[in-house]
Amino acid sequence: MSKEDEPSYIDYEAFLDPDFSATSFANTLVLATNNPSDTPLDLSTPLSRVLFDVQEIDTHIDTLTTKSALPLLEHTRDHAESSGRILAEVEGQVASLTESYKTLEKEVIERYEVAEQVRLTAERLVETVRLGRAAARCLMLGRQLEVRMSEVGGVGSAKKEDHRAMVRSADAILSLRAIFTNTKPGQEGEGLDRVNVVNTLKNELVVPGERNIASRAQQVVKEFSMSSLLSSGQTSATTFAQTEDTKSRTTSALQTLYLLSPTSAKTTVENFEPTLMLSALQEYLQTCLKSSVASLARALTQLPLLDRALLEISARCQNIVALQSLLRSTKAPVHPLLPHPTNVPTTDSNFLQPVLQALDTSSLPSYFWRSLASNMSTRMQEIMYKGGVSARTLRSNKDKIREAVRECVDRGSRLPGEKAGKKGEGWEREAAVMVGSIVGGIK
């Protein structure tokens, strides 16, 4: 109320209090106009009081509106006019925004949708081209592998054997293996497993081709022989060309097996183990040992066969000496599947070191003689235990056998073609071991 308004007995502050409660107000009004002990209560008085207050407020509102009618109307008119102007301005802005949105939709959104379709098409075309190039490269490498395998020639082929074609075939196989294993997103081999022609190439050419080339290389290692000793005790006239051809063929076979040995994503030059090459060489040594044990054990029960058996054993060990020399002079090739930049062979990274490490020996001839001696100790015990003519013959020829065994070790510890006067490396120790295993068992 303004200052000139008449004071009112109505407590407006109580009604305007945020915590005002109609129930509490009514209860207070009833208690103020009645004695709590009265029965029944007189409600007409508090009700008249409330109605009077309502009438008073209504009168006050009517008085105020009557006095302020003109200012209220002016204020309402001004407010309506302002609202109209604001509405007109907002409608203009909305119309401008609507038009801008339509322009944006036409120039950006529609173009974006078209561009998105073009982008998706381009991506799929690029993926198709990438997949096509990878498949074409696989087919090209497959054709190279097919040609190189035919160049190997040899048995069952009209062409002369080209042992170097084994290494070239291994290179083609490794290139294909690299593609087939690089199948992560973004790599060359991604998605190739869904291309039928590539799967056919892999299953019908690459896998059988790898198996055939490895088998051919293993066969070359198995047939390695450079000794010129004959069963008659003479030497054969092996030409220089024949010797070099044997070395070259075996080197190609070893390199092929080295390259085709399995690798994994974690394989490095430092921890790479050429399992195929090691397996072929170990099998070669075991074959020499088994044949030597069998022939020597038979000859010791039939002494006239001893000279021939020892000569054959010498020839086998000469081949092992020659093989060791070849392994020492053959450098490990660069493996294309092993990580760079450490994929560079060092000056002493030859084929001999991993073989010696796998066999836990210092030299291959030493491994041969000591393994042969270990096996012969058991055989001699069996022969002497049986007794009979064989045992008596061995006892009476003990000195002859000792000299024959020493001569066998001396002869076998030399490189093929070396003169008899040149002693093989460490032959005295190995001769003592062999003599001990055979003559030591004659009792």
Protein backbone atom coordinates (compact mmCIF):
# COMPACT_ATOMS: atom_id res chain seq x y z
CA MET A 1 0.00 0.00 0.00
CA SER A 2 1.05 3.62 -0.56
CA LYS A 3 1.53 6.03 2.28
CA GLU A 4 -1.74 7.81 1.64
CA ASP A 5 -3.69 4.55 1.88
CA GLU A 6 -5.65 4.05 5.08
CA PRO A 7 -4.07 1.62 7.54
CA SER A 8 -5.62 -1.84 7.59
CA TYR A 9 -6.06 -4.09 10.58
CA ILE A 10 -5.39 -7.12 8.36
CA ASP A 11 -1.96 -8.62 9.01
CA TYR A 12 -0.71 -8.90 5.42
CA GLU A 13 2.74 -9.96 6.55
CA ALA A 14 1.30 -13.10 8.17
CA PHE A 15 -0.52 -14.03 4.96
CA LEU A 16 2.55 -13.31 2.81
CA ASP A 17 4.89 -15.34 5.02
CA PRO A 18 6.30 -18.32 2.99
CA ASP A 19 5.61 -20.56 5.98
CA PHE A 20 1.93 -19.52 6.23
CA SER A 21 -0.40 -22.44 7.02
CA ALA A 22 -4.14 -22.11 6.55
CA THR A 23 -4.76 -24.89 9.09
CA SER A 24 -2.67 -23.20 11.76
CA PHE A 25 -4.28 -19.82 11.05
CA ALA A 26 -7.82 -21.28 11.35
CA ASN A 27 -6.92 -23.09 14.58
CA THR A 28 -5.49 -19.89 16.07
CA LEU A 29 -8.61 -17.94 15.04
CA VAL A 30 -10.96 -20.53 16.60
CA LEU A 31 -9.01 -20.58 19.87
CA ALA A 32 -8.97 -16.77 19.97
CA THR A 33 -12.76 -16.56 19.75
CA ASN A 34 -13.68 -19.58 21.94
CA ASN A 35 -12.88 -21.15 25.24
CA PRO A 36 -11.26 -24.53 24.61
CA SER A 37 -13.43 -26.10 27.28
CA ASP A 38 -16.69 -24.96 25.69
CA THR A 39 -18.87 -27.64 24.16
CA PRO A 40 -19.85 -27.20 21.41
CA LEU A 41 -17.47 -24.61 19.95
CA ASP A 42 -18.82 -21.43 18.43
CA LEU A 43 -17.59 -21.37 14.81
CA SER A 44 -19.85 -18.59 13.61
CA THR A 45 -17.65 -15.87 15.11
CA PRO A 46 -14.32 -17.00 13.51
CA LEU A 47 -16.20 -17.65 10.24
CA SER A 48 -17.67 -14.12 10.33
CA ARG A 49 -14.17 -12.80 11.04
CA VAL A 50 -12.75 -14.62 7.99
CA LEU A 51 -15.63 -13.46 5.75
CA PHE A 52 -15.20 -9.90 6.98
CA ASP A 53 -11.47 -10.05 6.21
CA VAL A 54 -12.19 -11.38 2.74
CA GLN A 55 -14.68 -8.61 2.15
CA GLU A 56 -12.19 -6.06 3.42
CA ILE A 57 -9.50 -7.36 1.04
CA ASP A 58 -11.97 -7.41 -1.85
CA THR A 59 -12.93 -3.81 -1.11
CA HIS A 60 -9.27 -2.85 -0.92
CA ILE A 61 -8.55 -4.51 -4.27
CA ASP A 62 -11.51 -2.78 -5.87
CA THR A 63 -10.36 0.59 -4.50
CA LEU A 64 -6.83 0.08 -5.80
CA THR A 65 -7.93 -0.99 -9.25
CA THR A 66 -10.35 1.89 -9.50
CA LYS A 67 -7.68 4.41 -8.59
CA SER A 68 -5.02 2.79 -10.81
CA ALA A 69 -7.17 1.75 -13.78
CA LEU A 70 -5.58 4.20 -16.23
CA PRO A 71 -1.93 3.38 -15.34
CA LEU A 72 -2.75 -0.33 -15.49
CA LEU A 73 -4.35 0.00 -18.91
CA GLU A 74 -1.45 2.08 -20.18
CA HIS A 75 1.03 -0.45 -18.81
CA THR A 76 -0.90 -3.31 -20.39
CA ARG A 77 -1.03 -1.48 -23.72
CA ASP A 78 2.67 -0.70 -23.62
CA HIS A 79 3.43 -4.30 -22.71
CA ALA A 80 1.24 -5.60 -25.56
CA GLU A 81 2.89 -3.22 -28.05
CA SER A 82 6.36 -4.27 -26.86
CA SER A 83 5.40 -7.92 -27.17
CA GLY A 84 4.14 -7.28 -30.69
CA ARG A 85 7.38 -5.58 -31.71
CA ILE A 86 9.47 -8.39 -30.16
CA LEU A 87 7.31 -11.00 -31.87
CA ALA A 88 7.71 -9.28 -35.23
CA GLU A 89 11.47 -9.05 -34.76
CA VAL A 90 11.72 -12.70 -33.66
CA GLU A 91 9.59 -13.85 -36.57
CA GLY A 92 11.96 -12.04 -38.92
CA GLN A 93 14.96 -13.71 -37.31
CA VAL A 94 13.24 -17.09 -37.44
CA ALA A 95 12.43 -16.58 -41.12
CA SER A 96 16.06 -15.61 -41.76
CA LEU A 97 17.29 -18.69 -39.86
CA THR A 98 14.87 -20.90 -41.76
CA GLU A 99 16.10 -19.56 -45.05
CA SER A 100 19.72 -19.95 -43.96
CA TYR A 101 19.05 -23.53 -42.94
CA LYS A 102 17.48 -24.33 -46.28
CA THR A 103 20.50 -22.83 -48.03
CA LEU A 104 22.83 -24.76 -45.74
CA GLU A 105 20.92 -27.97 -46.31
CA LYS A 106 21.10 -27.50 -50.05
CA GLU A 107 24.72 -26.39 -50.25
CA VAL A 108 26.25 -28.51 -47.45
CA ILE A 109 24.10 -31.37 -46.23
CA GLU A 110 22.96 -32.58 -49.63
CA ARG A 111 26.47 -32.15 -51.02
CA TYR A 112 27.89 -33.95 -47.97
CA GLU A 113 25.57 -36.88 -48.55
CA VAL A 114 26.69 -37.06 -52.17
CA ALA A 115 30.32 -36.66 -51.14
CA GLU A 116 29.94 -39.39 -48.51
CA GLN A 117 28.66 -41.76 -51.18
CA VAL A 118 31.58 -40.81 -53.41
CA ARG A 119 34.01 -41.31 -50.52
CA LEU A 120 32.56 -44.73 -49.71
CA THR A 121 32.72 -45.69 -53.38
CA ALA A 122 36.31 -44.48 -53.62
CA GLU A 123 37.30 -46.41 -50.49
CA ARG A 124 35.79 -49.58 -51.86
CA LEU A 125 37.49 -49.04 -55.19
CA VAL A 126 40.83 -48.49 -53.46
CA GLU A 127 40.28 -51.64 -51.39
CA THR A 128 39.41 -53.54 -54.55
CA VAL A 129 42.51 -52.24 -56.33
CA ARG A 130 44.71 -53.06 -53.32
CA LEU A 131 43.25 -56.55 -53.09
CA GLY A 132 43.60 -56.99 -56.84
CA ARG A 133 47.25 -55.90 -56.77
CA ALA A 134 48.00 -58.24 -53.86
CA ALA A 135 46.28 -61.12 -55.64
CA ALA A 136 48.13 -60.28 -58.87
CA ARG A 137 51.44 -60.21 -57.00
CA CYS A 138 50.64 -63.59 -55.46
CA LEU A 139 49.88 -64.99 -58.90
CA MET A 140 53.09 -63.51 -60.29
CA LEU A 141 55.13 -64.99 -57.46
CA GLY A 142 53.29 -68.27 -57.90
CA ARG A 143 54.25 -68.29 -61.56
CA GLN A 144 57.86 -67.52 -60.63
CA LEU A 145 57.80 -70.37 -58.12
CA GLU A 146 56.40 -72.73 -60.72
CA VAL A 147 59.13 -71.78 -63.21
CA ARG A 148 61.91 -71.99 -60.63
CA MET A 149 60.73 -75.36 -59.41
CA SER A 150 60.82 -76.63 -62.98
CA GLU A 151 64.38 -75.28 -63.26
CA VAL A 152 65.48 -77.50 -60.36
CA GLY A 153 65.18 -80.45 -62.75
CA GLY A 154 67.10 -83.56 -61.73
CA VAL A 155 65.48 -86.97 -61.35
CA GLY A 156 62.31 -87.36 -63.41
CA SER A 157 62.99 -84.23 -65.41
CA ALA A 158 64.22 -83.76 -68.92
CA LYS A 159 66.33 -80.82 -67.80
CA LYS A 160 69.69 -81.00 -66.08
CA GLU A 161 69.53 -80.33 -62.36
CA ASP A 162 70.01 -76.68 -61.39
CA HIS A 163 70.54 -76.79 -57.64
CA ARG A 164 70.62 -72.97 -57.38
CA ALA A 165 66.97 -72.97 -58.44
CA MET A 166 66.18 -74.42 -54.98
CA VAL A 167 67.38 -71.19 -53.36
CA ARG A 168 65.48 -69.09 -55.91
CA SER A 169 62.36 -71.17 -55.22
CA ALA A 170 62.83 -70.63 -51.48
CA ASP A 171 63.00 -66.85 -52.06
CA ALA A 172 59.69 -66.96 -53.97
CA ILE A 173 58.11 -69.08 -51.23
CA LEU A 174 59.25 -66.62 -48.55
CA SER A 175 57.80 -63.70 -50.52
CA LEU A 176 54.46 -65.51 -50.70
CA ARG A 177 54.69 -66.50 -47.04
CA ALA A 178 55.22 -62.84 -46.11
CA ILE A 179 52.04 -61.87 -47.96
CA PHE A 180 49.98 -64.72 -46.47
CA THR A 181 51.06 -63.86 -42.91
CA ASN A 182 50.65 -60.06 -43.12
CA THR A 183 46.88 -60.07 -42.69
CA LYS A 184 46.40 -57.24 -40.19
CA PRO A 185 44.42 -54.12 -41.25
CA GLY A 186 46.43 -52.07 -43.71
CA GLN A 187 48.88 -54.87 -44.52
CA GLU A 188 49.30 -56.38 -47.96
CA GLY A 189 47.70 -59.72 -47.15
CA GLU A 190 44.52 -58.30 -45.59
CA GLY A 191 41.44 -59.99 -47.06
CA LEU A 192 43.36 -62.34 -49.37
CA ASP A 193 41.93 -65.34 -47.55
CA ARG A 194 38.57 -64.47 -49.16
CA VAL A 195 39.98 -64.70 -52.70
CA ASN A 196 39.45 -68.20 -54.09
CA VAL A 197 42.27 -68.06 -56.61
CA VAL A 198 44.75 -67.13 -53.90
CA ASN A 199 43.57 -69.97 -51.66
CA THR A 200 43.90 -72.35 -54.60
CA LEU A 201 47.41 -71.04 -55.29
CA LYS A 202 48.37 -71.51 -51.67
CA ASN A 203 46.92 -75.01 -51.25
CA GLU A 204 47.84 -76.48 -54.64
CA LEU A 205 51.19 -74.84 -55.39
CA VAL A 206 52.86 -73.02 -52.51
CA VAL A 207 52.36 -75.57 -49.71
CA PRO A 208 53.20 -78.64 -51.86
CA GLY A 209 56.01 -76.71 -53.55
CA GLU A 210 57.57 -75.77 -50.23
CA ARG A 211 57.34 -79.38 -49.10
CA ASN A 212 58.90 -80.65 -52.34
CA ILE A 213 61.76 -78.13 -52.33
CA ALA A 214 62.54 -78.89 -48.68
CA SER A 215 62.45 -82.62 -49.42
CA ARG A 216 64.80 -82.17 -52.39
CA ALA A 217 67.23 -80.13 -50.27
CA GLN A 218 67.11 -82.72 -47.46
CA GLN A 219 67.85 -85.44 -50.00
CA VAL A 220 70.92 -83.53 -51.24
CA VAL A 221 72.23 -83.24 -47.67
CA LYS A 222 71.49 -86.91 -47.06
CA GLU A 223 73.52 -87.90 -50.14
CA PHE A 224 76.51 -85.66 -49.30
CA SER A 225 79.76 -87.53 -49.98
CA MET A 226 83.22 -86.23 -50.82
CA SER A 227 85.45 -89.03 -49.55
CA SER A 228 87.63 -90.65 -52.22
CA LEU A 229 88.31 -93.80 -50.16
CA LEU A 230 87.34 -97.09 -51.83
CA SER A 231 86.56 -100.39 -50.17
CA SER A 232 89.83 -101.72 -51.57
CA GLY A 233 91.79 -99.17 -49.59
CA GLN A 234 92.69 -97.13 -52.67
CA THR A 235 91.46 -93.65 -53.55
CA SER A 236 89.19 -92.74 -56.42
CA ALA A 237 90.11 -90.08 -58.94
CA THR A 238 87.57 -87.46 -57.94
CA THR A 239 87.96 -84.43 -60.17
CA PHE A 240 88.05 -80.87 -58.95
CA ALA A 241 84.87 -80.16 -60.89
CA GLN A 242 83.04 -83.01 -59.18
CA THR A 243 84.19 -81.83 -55.77
CA GLU A 244 83.12 -78.26 -56.42
CA ASP A 245 79.77 -79.43 -57.79
CA THR A 246 79.12 -81.43 -54.62
CA LYS A 247 80.02 -78.42 -52.47
CA SER A 248 77.85 -76.12 -54.55
CA ARG A 249 74.84 -78.48 -54.50
CA THR A 250 75.11 -78.99 -50.75
CA THR A 251 75.53 -75.26 -50.12
CA SER A 252 72.37 -74.54 -52.11
CA ALA A 253 70.51 -77.25 -50.20
CA LEU A 254 71.66 -75.86 -46.83
CA GLN A 255 70.71 -72.31 -47.79
CA THR A 256 67.30 -73.55 -48.95
CA LEU A 257 66.64 -75.34 -45.66
CA TYR A 258 67.90 -72.32 -43.73
CA LEU A 259 65.46 -70.00 -45.53
CA LEU A 260 62.49 -72.37 -45.33
CA SER A 261 62.87 -72.96 -41.58
CA PRO A 262 59.76 -71.73 -39.70
CA THR A 263 59.65 -68.22 -38.26
CA SER A 264 57.17 -66.31 -36.13
CA ALA A 265 56.33 -62.67 -35.47
CA LYS A 266 58.77 -62.64 -32.52
CA THR A 267 61.66 -64.26 -34.40
CA THR A 268 64.78 -62.10 -34.86
CA VAL A 269 68.18 -62.74 -36.38
CA GLU A 270 69.57 -63.30 -32.89
CA ASN A 271 67.07 -65.99 -31.80
CA PHE A 272 66.35 -67.53 -35.22
CA GLU A 273 66.87 -71.29 -35.25
CA PRO A 274 67.11 -72.94 -38.71
CA THR A 275 65.26 -76.08 -37.63
CA LEU A 276 64.99 -77.64 -41.10
CA MET A 277 68.71 -77.31 -41.73
CA LEU A 278 69.63 -78.58 -38.26
CA SER A 279 67.25 -81.51 -38.59
CA ALA A 280 68.72 -82.53 -41.96
CA LEU A 281 72.30 -82.35 -40.66
CA GLN A 282 71.47 -84.25 -37.48
CA GLU A 283 69.73 -86.92 -39.54
CA TYR A 284 72.82 -87.17 -41.76
CA LEU A 285 75.09 -87.63 -38.74
CA GLN A 286 72.74 -90.17 -37.16
CA THR A 287 72.66 -92.17 -40.41
CA CYS A 288 76.46 -92.22 -40.49
CA LEU A 289 76.55 -93.32 -36.85
CA LYS A 290 73.96 -96.06 -37.21
CA SER A 291 75.63 -97.48 -40.31
CA SER A 292 79.05 -97.33 -38.65
CA VAL A 293 77.87 -98.99 -35.43
CA ALA A 294 76.12 -101.76 -37.34
CA SER A 295 79.03 -102.49 -39.71
CA LEU A 296 81.70 -102.31 -36.98
CA ALA A 297 79.73 -104.53 -34.60
CA ARG A 298 79.27 -107.10 -37.37
CA ALA A 299 82.95 -106.91 -38.35
CA LEU A 300 84.10 -107.51 -34.77
CA THR A 301 82.20 -110.81 -34.79
CA GLN A 302 83.62 -111.63 -38.24
CA LEU A 303 87.16 -110.26 -38.08
CA PRO A 304 87.97 -110.63 -41.82
CA LEU A 305 85.40 -107.89 -42.45
CA LEU A 306 87.08 -105.47 -40.03
CA ASP A 307 89.42 -103.73 -42.51
CA ARG A 308 86.59 -103.01 -44.92
CA ALA A 309 84.27 -101.82 -42.14
CA LEU A 310 86.92 -99.48 -40.73
CA LEU A 311 87.62 -98.12 -44.19
CA GLU A 312 83.94 -97.36 -44.65
CA ILE A 313 83.84 -95.66 -41.25
CA SER A 314 86.89 -93.59 -42.21
CA ALA A 315 85.14 -92.57 -45.41
CA ARG A 316 82.05 -91.50 -43.47
CA CYS A 317 84.10 -89.44 -41.05
CA GLN A 318 85.99 -87.84 -43.94
CA ASN A 319 82.63 -86.79 -45.31
CA ILE A 320 81.78 -85.30 -41.90
CA VAL A 321 85.13 -83.45 -41.84
CA ALA A 322 84.39 -82.12 -45.33
CA LEU A 323 80.87 -81.18 -44.24
CA GLN A 324 82.24 -79.27 -41.25
CA SER A 325 84.65 -77.38 -43.51
CA LEU A 326 81.79 -76.56 -45.87
CA LEU A 327 79.54 -75.37 -43.02
CA ARG A 328 82.34 -73.18 -41.65
CA SER A 329 82.90 -71.50 -45.03
CA THR A 330 79.18 -71.00 -45.79
CA LYS A 331 77.78 -67.68 -44.57
CA ALA A 332 74.21 -67.42 -43.40
CA PRO A 333 72.14 -65.62 -46.07
CA VAL A 334 69.99 -62.61 -45.34
CA HIS A 335 66.55 -63.85 -44.31
CA PRO A 336 63.84 -61.60 -45.84
CA LEU A 337 61.28 -62.37 -43.11
CA LEU A 338 63.49 -61.38 -40.18
CA PRO A 339 63.29 -57.77 -38.93
CA HIS A 340 65.67 -55.04 -40.01
CA PRO A 341 68.09 -53.39 -39.38
CA THR A 342 69.77 -56.26 -37.53
CA ASN A 343 69.13 -58.55 -40.48
CA VAL A 344 72.74 -58.30 -41.65
CA PRO A 345 74.98 -61.34 -41.38
CA THR A 346 78.17 -60.79 -39.41
CA THR A 347 81.58 -62.03 -40.51
CA ASP A 348 81.38 -65.12 -38.29
CA SER A 349 77.68 -65.99 -38.83
CA ASN A 350 78.29 -69.25 -40.66
CA PHE A 351 76.27 -72.47 -40.74
CA LEU A 352 78.64 -74.38 -38.45
CA GLN A 353 77.95 -72.47 -35.22
CA PRO A 354 74.23 -73.33 -34.85
CA VAL A 355 75.00 -77.00 -35.65
CA LEU A 356 77.72 -77.23 -32.99
CA GLN A 357 75.45 -75.46 -30.53
CA ALA A 358 72.55 -77.83 -31.23
CA LEU A 359 74.81 -80.90 -30.80
CA ASP A 360 76.66 -79.40 -27.81
CA THR A 361 80.07 -80.27 -29.25
CA SER A 362 83.23 -78.50 -30.35
CA SER A 363 83.50 -80.26 -33.73
CA LEU A 364 81.51 -82.69 -35.86
CA PRO A 365 84.30 -85.33 -36.20
CA SER A 366 84.67 -85.32 -32.41
CA TYR A 367 80.91 -85.77 -32.05
CA PHE A 368 81.02 -88.68 -34.52
CA TRP A 369 83.91 -90.53 -32.88
CA ARG A 370 82.67 -90.04 -29.33
CA SER A 371 79.10 -91.05 -30.21
CA LEU A 372 80.45 -94.09 -32.06
CA ALA A 373 82.65 -95.00 -29.09
CA SER A 374 79.72 -94.64 -26.70
CA ASN A 375 77.61 -97.04 -28.77
CA MET A 376 80.47 -99.52 -29.28
CA SER A 377 81.14 -99.87 -25.55
CA THR A 378 77.73 -101.50 -25.13
CA ARG A 379 78.18 -103.67 -28.24
CA MET A 380 81.58 -104.91 -27.03
CA GLN A 381 80.09 -105.93 -23.71
CA GLU A 382 77.44 -107.93 -25.54
CA ILE A 383 80.02 -109.65 -27.80
CA MET A 384 82.34 -110.56 -24.92
CA TYR A 385 79.43 -111.69 -22.77
CA LYS A 386 78.33 -114.17 -25.45
CA GLY A 387 81.91 -115.55 -25.64
CA GLY A 388 82.67 -118.26 -28.19
CA VAL A 389 84.90 -118.02 -31.21
CA SER A 390 84.29 -114.29 -31.70
CA ALA A 391 85.48 -113.42 -28.20
CA ARG A 392 88.57 -115.64 -28.45
CA THR A 393 89.44 -114.18 -31.87
CA LEU A 394 89.16 -110.65 -30.51
CA ARG A 395 91.45 -111.49 -27.58
CA SER A 396 94.11 -113.03 -29.83
CA ASN A 397 94.03 -110.08 -32.24
CA LYS A 398 93.81 -107.32 -29.65
CA ASP A 399 96.97 -105.49 -30.78
CA LYS A 400 96.02 -105.70 -34.44
CA ILE A 401 92.58 -104.28 -33.69
CA ARG A 402 94.13 -101.44 -31.69
CA GLU A 403 96.34 -100.37 -34.57
CA ALA A 404 93.53 -100.78 -37.09
CA VAL A 405 91.21 -98.56 -35.03
CA ARG A 406 93.94 -95.90 -34.59
CA GLU A 407 94.60 -95.93 -38.29
CA CYS A 408 90.86 -95.66 -38.98
CA VAL A 409 90.53 -92.59 -36.77
CA ASP A 410 93.68 -91.03 -38.26
CA ARG A 411 92.48 -91.65 -41.80
CA GLY A 412 88.92 -90.50 -41.10
CA SER A 413 89.96 -87.29 -39.33
CA ARG A 414 91.56 -85.88 -42.50
CA LEU A 415 89.87 -83.97 -45.27
CA PRO A 416 89.18 -86.03 -48.38
CA GLY A 417 92.25 -86.07 -50.62
CA GLU A 418 94.73 -85.07 -47.91
CA LYS A 419 97.97 -87.03 -47.77
CA ALA A 420 98.37 -89.74 -45.15
CA GLY A 421 101.26 -87.92 -43.53
CA LYS A 422 99.04 -85.04 -42.43
CA LYS A 423 97.32 -85.73 -39.13
CA GLY A 424 93.71 -84.80 -38.62
CA GLU A 425 92.85 -82.22 -35.98
CA GLY A 426 92.53 -83.77 -32.53
CA TRP A 427 92.76 -87.29 -33.91
CA GLU A 428 94.93 -88.58 -31.02
CA ARG A 429 92.22 -87.84 -28.43
CA GLU A 430 89.48 -89.38 -30.54
CA ALA A 431 91.69 -92.39 -31.34
CA ALA A 432 92.23 -92.96 -27.62
CA VAL A 433 88.49 -92.81 -27.01
CA MET A 434 87.75 -95.27 -29.83
CA VAL A 435 90.51 -97.67 -28.81
CA GLY A 436 89.31 -97.53 -25.24
CA SER A 437 85.71 -98.33 -26.21
CA ILE A 438 86.69 -101.34 -28.37
CA VAL A 439 90.04 -102.75 -27.19
CA GLY A 440 89.27 -101.77 -23.60
CA GLY A 441 86.23 -104.04 -23.73
CA ILE A 442 88.22 -107.10 -24.91
CA LYS A 443 88.87 -109.05 -21.70
